Protein backbone atom coordinates (compact mmCIF):
# COMPACT_ATOMS: atom_id res chain seq x y z
CA MET A 1 -11.07 -15.08 -17.18
CA ALA A 2 -7.73 -15.39 -18.46
CA ALA A 3 -7.64 -15.58 -22.31
CA PRO A 4 -7.60 -18.63 -23.65
CA GLY A 5 -4.24 -20.32 -24.35
CA SER A 6 -2.60 -18.28 -21.40
CA PRO A 7 -0.59 -19.70 -18.23
CA SER A 8 -3.74 -19.17 -15.73
CA SER A 9 -6.17 -21.16 -18.46
CA SER A 10 -5.20 -24.41 -17.06
CA ILE A 11 -5.05 -23.22 -13.10
CA ARG A 12 -7.96 -24.63 -10.85
CA LYS A 13 -9.80 -21.43 -9.57
CA ILE A 14 -11.74 -21.42 -6.18
CA GLY A 15 -14.51 -18.95 -6.52
CA GLN A 16 -14.22 -15.37 -7.33
CA THR A 17 -15.86 -14.29 -4.20
CA GLU A 18 -13.55 -16.22 -1.91
CA PHE A 19 -10.30 -15.28 -3.99
CA LEU A 20 -11.68 -11.66 -3.92
CA ALA A 21 -11.72 -11.87 0.14
CA LEU A 22 -8.38 -13.77 0.56
CA MET A 23 -6.45 -11.38 -1.87
CA ALA A 24 -7.98 -8.53 0.30
CA MET A 25 -7.11 -9.97 3.82
CA LEU A 26 -3.21 -10.76 2.58
CA PHE A 27 -3.16 -7.31 1.07
CA ALA A 28 -4.40 -5.62 4.10
CA THR A 29 -1.41 -7.22 6.41
CA ILE A 30 0.37 -4.22 5.65
CA ALA A 31 -2.48 -1.43 6.47
CA PHE A 32 -2.93 -3.26 9.41
CA SER A 33 0.51 -3.65 10.70
CA THR A 34 0.78 0.30 10.20
CA ASP A 35 -2.14 1.98 11.03
CA ALA A 36 -3.34 -0.27 14.06
CA MET A 37 0.34 1.08 15.73
CA LEU A 38 -1.04 4.55 15.46
CA PRO A 39 -3.25 4.75 18.57
CA ALA A 40 0.09 3.13 20.82
CA LEU A 41 2.85 6.07 19.52
CA PRO A 42 1.75 7.89 22.45
CA ALA A 43 1.93 4.73 25.15
CA ILE A 44 5.22 3.95 23.11
CA GLU A 45 6.92 7.23 24.02
CA GLN A 46 6.21 6.98 27.73
CA ALA A 47 7.68 3.51 27.95
CA LEU A 48 10.24 3.35 25.91
CA THR A 49 11.85 6.79 24.83
CA PRO A 50 10.40 9.55 27.10
CA GLU A 51 13.57 11.56 26.92
CA ALA A 52 12.73 11.93 22.91
CA PRO A 53 9.24 11.01 22.39
CA ASN A 54 9.54 11.41 18.25
CA ARG A 55 11.69 8.69 18.35
CA ALA A 56 8.06 6.62 18.70
CA GLN A 57 7.60 7.30 14.96
CA LEU A 58 10.00 4.82 13.92
CA ILE A 59 7.85 2.47 14.58
CA VAL A 60 6.02 3.50 11.48
CA THR A 61 8.52 4.06 9.38
CA SER A 62 11.07 0.67 10.61
CA PHE A 63 8.06 -1.46 9.57
CA LEU A 64 8.33 0.45 5.96
CA PHE A 65 12.40 0.25 5.71
CA GLY A 66 11.61 -3.45 6.21
CA MET A 67 8.26 -3.72 3.66
CA GLY A 68 10.94 -2.07 0.87
CA PHE A 69 13.24 -4.45 1.23
CA GLY A 70 11.62 -7.46 1.21
CA THR A 71 9.26 -6.21 -1.56
CA LEU A 72 12.59 -6.66 -3.47
CA ILE A 73 12.82 -10.45 -2.75
CA THR A 74 9.65 -11.79 -2.48
CA GLY A 75 8.92 -11.59 -5.86
CA PRO A 76 12.02 -13.48 -7.51
CA LEU A 77 11.86 -16.01 -4.53
CA SER A 78 8.18 -16.80 -5.93
CA ASP A 79 9.30 -17.26 -9.47
CA THR A 80 11.49 -19.48 -8.03
CA PHE A 81 9.69 -21.79 -5.12
CA GLY A 82 5.83 -20.86 -6.03
CA ARG A 83 3.41 -18.51 -4.78
CA LYS A 84 1.72 -20.20 -1.76
CA PRO A 85 5.60 -21.52 -0.60
CA THR A 86 6.91 -17.90 -0.62
CA ILE A 87 3.93 -16.24 1.07
CA ILE A 88 4.16 -19.27 4.14
CA ALA A 89 7.85 -18.52 4.75
CA PHE A 90 7.36 -14.81 4.66
CA ALA A 91 4.22 -15.05 6.85
CA SER A 92 6.27 -17.25 9.61
CA LEU A 93 8.89 -14.21 9.50
CA TYR A 94 6.64 -11.58 10.37
CA ILE A 95 5.08 -13.97 13.24
CA GLY A 96 8.56 -14.03 14.55
CA GLY A 97 9.14 -10.21 13.94
CA ALA A 98 5.59 -10.13 15.86
CA LEU A 99 6.45 -11.95 18.88
CA LEU A 100 9.90 -10.29 18.70
CA ALA A 101 8.16 -6.92 19.36
CA TRP A 102 5.89 -8.08 21.65
CA LEU A 103 8.67 -9.42 24.15
CA ALA A 104 11.23 -6.39 23.26
CA PRO A 105 12.57 -4.94 26.49
CA SER A 106 14.07 -1.61 24.75
CA LEU A 107 13.10 0.40 21.53
CA GLU A 108 15.76 -0.06 19.55
CA LEU A 109 15.25 -3.72 19.53
CA VAL A 110 11.13 -3.35 18.74
CA LEU A 111 12.85 -1.28 15.86
CA ALA A 112 14.50 -4.17 14.89
CA ALA A 113 11.51 -6.68 15.28
CA ARG A 114 9.68 -4.01 13.37
CA VAL A 115 11.93 -4.20 10.35
CA ILE A 116 11.91 -8.13 10.52
CA GLN A 117 7.89 -7.93 10.70
CA GLY A 118 8.33 -5.71 7.69
CA ILE A 119 9.93 -7.81 5.58
CA GLY A 120 7.68 -10.55 6.43
CA ALA A 121 4.71 -8.53 5.53
CA ALA A 122 6.18 -7.90 1.98
CA GLY A 123 5.29 -11.38 1.20
CA PRO A 124 1.39 -11.38 1.46
CA ARG A 125 1.48 -8.22 -0.37
CA VAL A 126 3.67 -8.77 -3.54
CA VAL A 127 3.26 -12.26 -3.77
CA GLY A 128 -0.10 -11.67 -3.54
CA ILE A 129 -0.59 -9.42 -7.03
CA ALA A 130 1.61 -11.92 -8.75
CA ILE A 131 -1.50 -14.34 -7.91
CA VAL A 132 -3.61 -11.99 -9.57
CA ARG A 133 -1.75 -11.75 -12.41
CA ASP A 134 -1.16 -15.48 -13.10
CA LEU A 135 -4.77 -15.94 -12.82
CA TYR A 136 -6.13 -12.59 -14.88
CA SER A 137 -5.52 -10.17 -17.21
CA GLY A 138 -6.16 -7.02 -18.95
CA ARG A 139 -9.12 -5.01 -17.67
CA GLU A 140 -10.32 -8.28 -15.77
CA MET A 141 -7.47 -7.62 -13.58
CA ALA A 142 -7.98 -4.61 -12.93
CA ARG A 143 -11.57 -4.62 -12.46
CA LEU A 144 -10.74 -7.80 -9.48
CA MET A 145 -7.76 -5.45 -8.32
CA SER A 146 -10.44 -2.58 -7.76
CA PHE A 147 -12.81 -5.00 -5.93
CA ILE A 148 -9.65 -6.15 -3.71
CA PHE A 149 -8.48 -2.55 -2.91
CA ILE A 150 -12.48 -1.88 -1.22
CA VAL A 151 -11.32 -4.58 1.15
CA PHE A 152 -7.37 -3.07 1.67
CA SER A 153 -9.15 0.69 1.56
CA LEU A 154 -11.09 -0.21 4.40
CA PHE A 155 -8.36 -1.54 7.01
CA PRO A 156 -7.20 1.75 7.61
CA ALA A 157 -10.29 2.17 9.06
CA ILE A 158 -10.62 -0.05 11.49
CA ALA A 159 -7.18 -0.52 12.42
CA PRO A 160 -6.71 2.55 14.57
CA LEU A 161 -9.64 1.42 16.24
CA ILE A 162 -8.60 -1.97 16.78
CA GLY A 163 -5.70 -0.84 18.02
CA GLU A 164 -6.94 1.50 20.52
CA GLN A 165 -9.49 -1.28 21.97
CA VAL A 166 -6.51 -3.66 22.00
CA ILE A 167 -4.45 -0.49 24.00
CA ALA A 168 -7.44 -0.45 26.24
CA LEU A 169 -7.68 -3.61 27.18
CA ALA A 170 -4.27 -5.40 27.60
CA GLY A 171 -1.70 -2.42 26.90
CA TRP A 172 0.32 -2.16 23.49
CA ARG A 173 2.43 -4.96 23.43
CA ALA A 174 -0.61 -6.47 22.60
CA ILE A 175 -1.34 -5.46 19.85
CA PHE A 176 1.77 -7.44 18.16
CA LEU A 177 -0.36 -10.65 19.49
CA VAL A 178 -3.26 -9.44 16.72
CA PHE A 179 -1.13 -9.34 14.22
CA VAL A 180 0.08 -12.61 14.72
CA VAL A 181 -3.57 -13.80 14.68
CA PHE A 182 -4.65 -11.95 11.93
CA ILE A 183 -1.60 -13.43 9.36
CA ALA A 184 -2.16 -16.66 10.75
CA THR A 185 -5.70 -16.62 9.36
CA SER A 186 -5.10 -15.60 6.25
CA THR A 187 -1.90 -17.67 5.83
CA LEU A 188 -4.03 -20.91 6.78
CA TRP A 189 -7.07 -20.00 4.43
CA LEU A 190 -4.30 -19.51 1.56
CA ALA A 191 -2.53 -22.75 2.32
CA ILE A 192 -5.92 -24.72 2.88
CA ARG A 193 -8.01 -22.96 -0.29
CA GLN A 194 -6.15 -21.36 -2.27
CA PRO A 195 -4.11 -24.03 -5.59
CA GLU A 196 -0.65 -22.95 -6.17
CA THR A 197 -0.78 -20.40 -9.74
CA LEU A 198 2.21 -20.91 -10.75
CA PRO A 199 2.92 -24.87 -11.73
CA PRO A 200 6.97 -26.16 -11.71
CA GLU A 201 7.48 -26.26 -15.09
CA ARG A 202 6.48 -22.28 -15.47
CA ARG A 203 9.26 -21.53 -12.54
CA THR A 204 13.08 -19.98 -13.12
CA PRO A 205 16.25 -20.57 -11.27
CA PHE A 206 17.09 -18.43 -8.45
CA SER A 207 20.26 -16.52 -9.02
CA LEU A 208 22.05 -13.10 -7.79
CA PRO A 209 23.00 -13.40 -11.81
CA ILE A 210 19.68 -14.44 -13.39
CA LEU A 211 18.02 -11.93 -10.90
CA TRP A 212 19.57 -8.48 -11.87
CA THR A 213 19.03 -9.69 -15.73
CA ASN A 214 15.47 -10.30 -14.50
CA ILE A 215 15.55 -6.81 -12.80
CA LYS A 216 17.35 -4.92 -16.20
CA ILE A 217 14.73 -6.86 -18.39
CA VAL A 218 11.56 -5.27 -16.26
CA LEU A 219 12.91 -2.32 -15.61
CA ALA A 220 13.81 -1.92 -19.71
CA ASN A 221 10.23 -1.43 -20.22
CA ARG A 222 8.80 1.96 -21.00
CA THR A 223 5.29 1.26 -19.21
CA VAL A 224 6.69 -0.14 -16.25
CA ARG A 225 9.57 3.31 -15.77
CA PHE A 226 6.80 5.10 -16.01
CA THR A 227 3.99 3.58 -14.07
CA VAL A 228 6.37 3.32 -11.27
CA ALA A 229 7.24 6.91 -11.01
CA VAL A 230 3.45 7.50 -11.39
CA GLN A 231 3.20 5.34 -8.17
CA VAL A 232 5.92 7.36 -6.70
CA PHE A 233 4.59 10.44 -6.56
CA VAL A 234 1.11 9.25 -5.77
CA MET A 235 2.20 7.08 -2.77
CA ALA A 236 4.23 10.41 -1.78
CA GLN A 237 1.25 11.57 -1.01
CA LEU A 238 -0.35 9.35 0.71
CA PHE A 239 2.47 8.69 3.19
CA THR A 240 2.20 12.50 3.51
CA MET A 241 -1.10 12.14 4.69
CA VAL A 242 -0.28 8.89 6.81
CA SER A 243 2.59 10.41 8.66
CA THR A 244 0.89 14.35 9.13
CA THR A 245 -2.89 13.68 9.65
CA GLN A 246 -2.74 13.11 13.78
CA PRO A 247 0.04 15.74 14.50
CA VAL A 248 -2.49 18.02 12.14
CA PHE A 249 -5.78 17.27 14.11
CA GLU A 250 -3.79 17.34 17.35
CA ARG A 251 -2.14 20.60 17.00
CA LEU A 252 -4.11 22.36 15.12
CA PHE A 253 -7.55 20.99 15.51
CA ASP A 254 -7.70 20.21 19.17
CA LYS A 255 -9.34 16.67 17.89
CA GLY A 256 -6.46 14.32 18.86
CA GLU A 257 -8.79 12.55 21.25
CA SER A 258 -11.33 11.73 18.62
CA PHE A 259 -8.50 11.12 15.84
CA THR A 260 -9.66 7.24 15.37
CA LEU A 261 -13.11 8.08 14.45
CA TRP A 262 -12.27 10.64 12.08
CA PHE A 263 -9.57 7.96 10.53
CA ALA A 264 -11.98 5.59 10.23
CA PHE A 265 -14.70 8.14 8.65
CA ILE A 266 -11.61 9.39 6.28
CA ALA A 267 -11.02 5.83 5.39
CA VAL A 268 -14.57 4.80 4.56
CA CYS A 269 -15.15 7.58 2.40
CA ALA A 270 -12.13 6.88 0.65
CA GLY A 271 -12.66 3.27 0.34
CA THR A 272 -16.12 3.86 -2.03
CA SER A 273 -13.44 4.86 -4.96
CA SER A 274 -12.85 1.31 -5.57
CA PHE A 275 -16.47 0.96 -6.69
CA VAL A 276 -15.97 4.02 -8.78
CA ASN A 277 -12.98 2.21 -10.50
CA ALA A 278 -14.68 -0.87 -11.10
CA ARG A 279 -17.74 0.43 -12.58
CA PHE A 280 -15.77 2.90 -14.60
CA VAL A 281 -12.06 1.23 -15.17
CA MET A 282 -14.12 -1.39 -18.43
CA ARG A 283 -15.16 2.17 -20.07
CA VAL A 284 -12.65 4.29 -19.56
CA GLY A 285 -9.84 2.23 -19.11
CA MET A 286 -6.80 2.11 -16.73
CA ARG A 287 -4.85 5.05 -18.20
CA GLY A 288 -8.13 7.07 -18.38
CA MET A 289 -8.60 6.62 -14.99
CA VAL A 290 -5.71 7.24 -13.34
CA THR A 291 -5.21 10.65 -15.58
CA ARG A 292 -8.87 11.55 -14.17
CA ALA A 293 -8.09 10.94 -10.39
CA LEU A 294 -4.82 12.87 -10.77
CA ILE A 295 -6.62 15.86 -12.89
CA ALA A 296 -9.22 16.18 -9.73
CA THR A 297 -6.77 15.66 -7.09
CA LEU A 298 -5.04 18.64 -8.15
CA VAL A 299 -8.15 20.59 -8.47
CA VAL A 300 -9.15 20.03 -4.81
CA SER A 301 -5.91 20.70 -3.82
CA ALA A 302 -5.58 23.89 -5.47
CA VAL A 303 -8.41 25.08 -3.76
CA CYS A 304 -7.52 24.16 -0.31
CA LEU A 305 -4.40 25.88 -0.96
CA ALA A 306 -6.34 29.17 -2.07
CA THR A 307 -9.01 29.05 0.70
CA THR A 308 -7.00 28.10 3.64
CA SER A 309 -3.63 30.16 2.72
CA LEU A 310 -5.54 33.53 1.13
CA ILE A 311 -8.96 34.04 3.10
CA PRO A 312 -10.07 34.05 6.97
CA LEU A 313 -11.80 31.17 7.69
CA PRO A 314 -13.88 29.91 10.79
CA GLU A 315 -12.49 27.13 12.44
CA THR A 316 -14.94 24.70 11.53
CA LEU A 317 -14.92 25.53 7.68
CA PHE A 318 -11.14 25.44 7.75
CA PHE A 319 -11.18 21.95 9.36
CA GLY A 320 -14.32 20.85 6.67
CA ILE A 321 -11.64 21.92 4.10
CA TYR A 322 -8.95 20.22 5.45
CA LEU A 323 -11.09 17.27 5.83
CA PHE A 324 -12.08 16.97 2.31
CA TRP A 325 -8.78 17.61 0.64
CA VAL A 326 -7.33 14.36 3.15
CA VAL A 327 -10.48 12.36 2.06
CA MET A 328 -9.12 13.32 -1.74
CA ILE A 329 -5.70 12.50 -1.40
CA PHE A 330 -6.95 8.71 -0.05
CA PHE A 331 -9.60 8.30 -2.88
CA GLN A 332 -7.13 9.06 -5.34
CA MET A 333 -5.39 5.88 -4.35
CA GLY A 334 -8.15 3.50 -4.98
CA LEU A 335 -8.64 4.85 -8.53
CA THR A 336 -5.18 5.01 -9.50
CA MET A 337 -2.97 2.38 -7.58
CA GLY A 338 -4.86 -0.78 -8.82
CA ASN A 339 -4.61 0.28 -12.30
CA LEU A 340 -1.21 1.55 -12.29
CA ASN A 341 -0.34 -2.13 -10.67
CA THR A 342 -1.92 -3.70 -13.99
CA LEU A 343 -0.49 -1.71 -16.34
CA ALA A 344 2.71 -2.00 -15.39
CA LEU A 345 2.32 -6.26 -15.35
CA GLU A 346 0.46 -6.52 -17.94
CA PRO A 347 3.76 -7.11 -20.11
CA MET A 348 5.82 -9.03 -17.65
CA GLY A 349 3.58 -12.56 -17.67
CA ALA A 350 5.84 -15.18 -15.69
CA MET A 351 7.88 -12.63 -14.81
CA ALA A 352 5.08 -10.96 -12.93
CA GLY A 353 6.93 -12.02 -9.61
CA THR A 354 10.00 -10.00 -10.36
CA ALA A 355 8.24 -7.99 -11.81
CA SER A 356 5.63 -7.15 -8.35
CA SER A 357 8.89 -7.13 -6.54
CA VAL A 358 11.04 -4.54 -8.58
CA ILE A 359 8.12 -2.38 -8.68
CA GLY A 360 6.64 -2.70 -5.15
CA ALA A 361 10.46 -1.90 -3.95
CA LEU A 362 11.21 1.01 -5.86
CA ALA A 363 7.49 2.67 -5.71
CA THR A 364 7.93 2.36 -2.09
CA ALA A 365 11.27 3.18 -0.95
CA LEU A 366 11.06 6.41 -3.45
CA SER A 367 7.78 7.33 -2.24
CA VAL A 368 8.97 7.77 1.55
CA LEU A 369 12.05 9.82 0.39
CA VAL A 370 9.41 12.46 -1.01
CA ALA A 371 6.75 12.16 1.47
CA ALA A 372 9.51 12.38 4.54
CA PRO A 373 10.62 15.71 3.38
CA ILE A 374 6.90 17.05 3.07
CA GLY A 375 5.78 15.78 6.40
CA LEU A 376 8.55 17.37 7.92
CA MET A 377 7.93 21.11 6.82
CA PHE A 378 4.16 20.71 9.09
CA THR A 379 4.51 23.21 11.94
CA ASP A 380 1.49 25.53 12.32
CA SER A 381 0.36 25.31 8.91
CA ILE A 382 -0.82 22.90 6.43
CA TYR A 383 0.36 25.44 3.65
CA PRO A 384 3.40 23.37 2.94
CA LEU A 385 1.46 20.11 2.88
CA VAL A 386 -0.65 20.82 0.79
CA LEU A 387 2.23 22.57 -1.86
CA GLY A 388 4.01 19.57 -1.45
CA CYS A 389 1.14 17.31 -2.64
CA MET A 390 0.16 19.58 -5.51
CA ILE A 391 3.93 19.24 -6.61
CA CYS A 392 3.32 15.47 -6.49
CA GLY A 393 0.42 15.53 -8.26
CA VAL A 394 1.61 17.62 -11.09
CA ILE A 395 4.87 15.42 -11.65
CA ALA A 396 2.30 12.21 -12.07
CA LEU A 397 -0.15 13.79 -13.98
CA SER A 398 2.63 15.24 -16.25
CA LEU A 399 4.34 11.16 -16.53
CA MET A 400 0.83 10.16 -17.05
CA ILE A 401 0.41 12.18 -20.46
CA TRP A 402 4.50 11.96 -21.09
CA MET A 403 3.49 8.12 -21.08
CA GLY A 404 0.72 8.35 -23.41
CA ALA A 405 -2.50 7.15 -24.31
CA ARG A 406 -2.31 4.16 -25.88
CA GLU A 407 -2.48 0.85 -23.68
CA GLU A 408 -0.12 -1.91 -24.65
CA GLU A 409 -0.95 -5.30 -25.72
CA PRO A 410 0.33 -8.17 -23.24
CA GLU A 411 3.75 -9.18 -24.04
CA ASN A 412 3.82 -12.67 -21.98
CA THR A 413 7.75 -12.57 -20.82
CA GLN A 414 8.55 -16.37 -20.36
């Protein structure tokens, strides 16, 4: 619970179980919108870009680009107009983008629609974090974020399977209609059940000079700067996996047809990381959990790099080592991202919306820039992928050590 006298102490709350489920569904919008498209890429290649099939991958990156832009503006808007109105507005934008993509006759128009959809998807994700920060703080917030990330991490397991079934029943365009139903359900749930968590008296006027000033205030905080930098290199490892796992399964291991099942297995295994974090974060601390996760992942990556590049292995063993490494990269997310977000937002107080936007936008955009070159290095070997992720891990761990072991006391920014 929030400390007495904190802004959240006077806000009516729904039951914690319902709150966790609602926030998890809002958070899952991005994962669902991205991963459900993966099985559709071959069909999109044939339908819209047969002469240049690699362009179909822009279906994913265009969405992420829009999400990065949306992430920057949703938080400040929610600080001005309130959390619920902002989520509802951006969900409406998301629905418009999804319907446009459903009807679009060309790849270019689909990509433009995906950018719009990505901007809209940033609302539930970014403002959802601000809602959690409005109601909870400290290690209790970290514990709740861990439970939310449990559901969030399971969505990559079922999203490709849902996409695959939708394609089989109604074609790849019908996936966009499923997106509409999903976000309409979560937004209606929010509108009916969740009270507004930012009362009018705590809202800040919206203007570009004020926004720029607030951004500078957020980035002036040392903890924010360091946690953003760590997130960049943690997320870069994840984005590398998302963009390359399907090609690796198909080209190196001839498992393209069973990819969705393997992807589900990876996600389910990785989803247990949030249980681990929830179990130990109160004892070890947020920084301790992040540091331990980074060290463990580095060790697994080093073993994977050494065994697959130096020792001739049977294909089954080679695949098993690669699979374990991929699971570990995903597992790392559940032990790091919730804690890093909590550390970054802890000093921000009423500016949680702006802080969440700045942090999310920078971390997402920069991590894509780091991950893209690593993913493009994949040809017929996983060596550059493992090495690139290892370098990211070393940098992230070095930043955590540099940041120091002391957890800052909250300094609410009013």
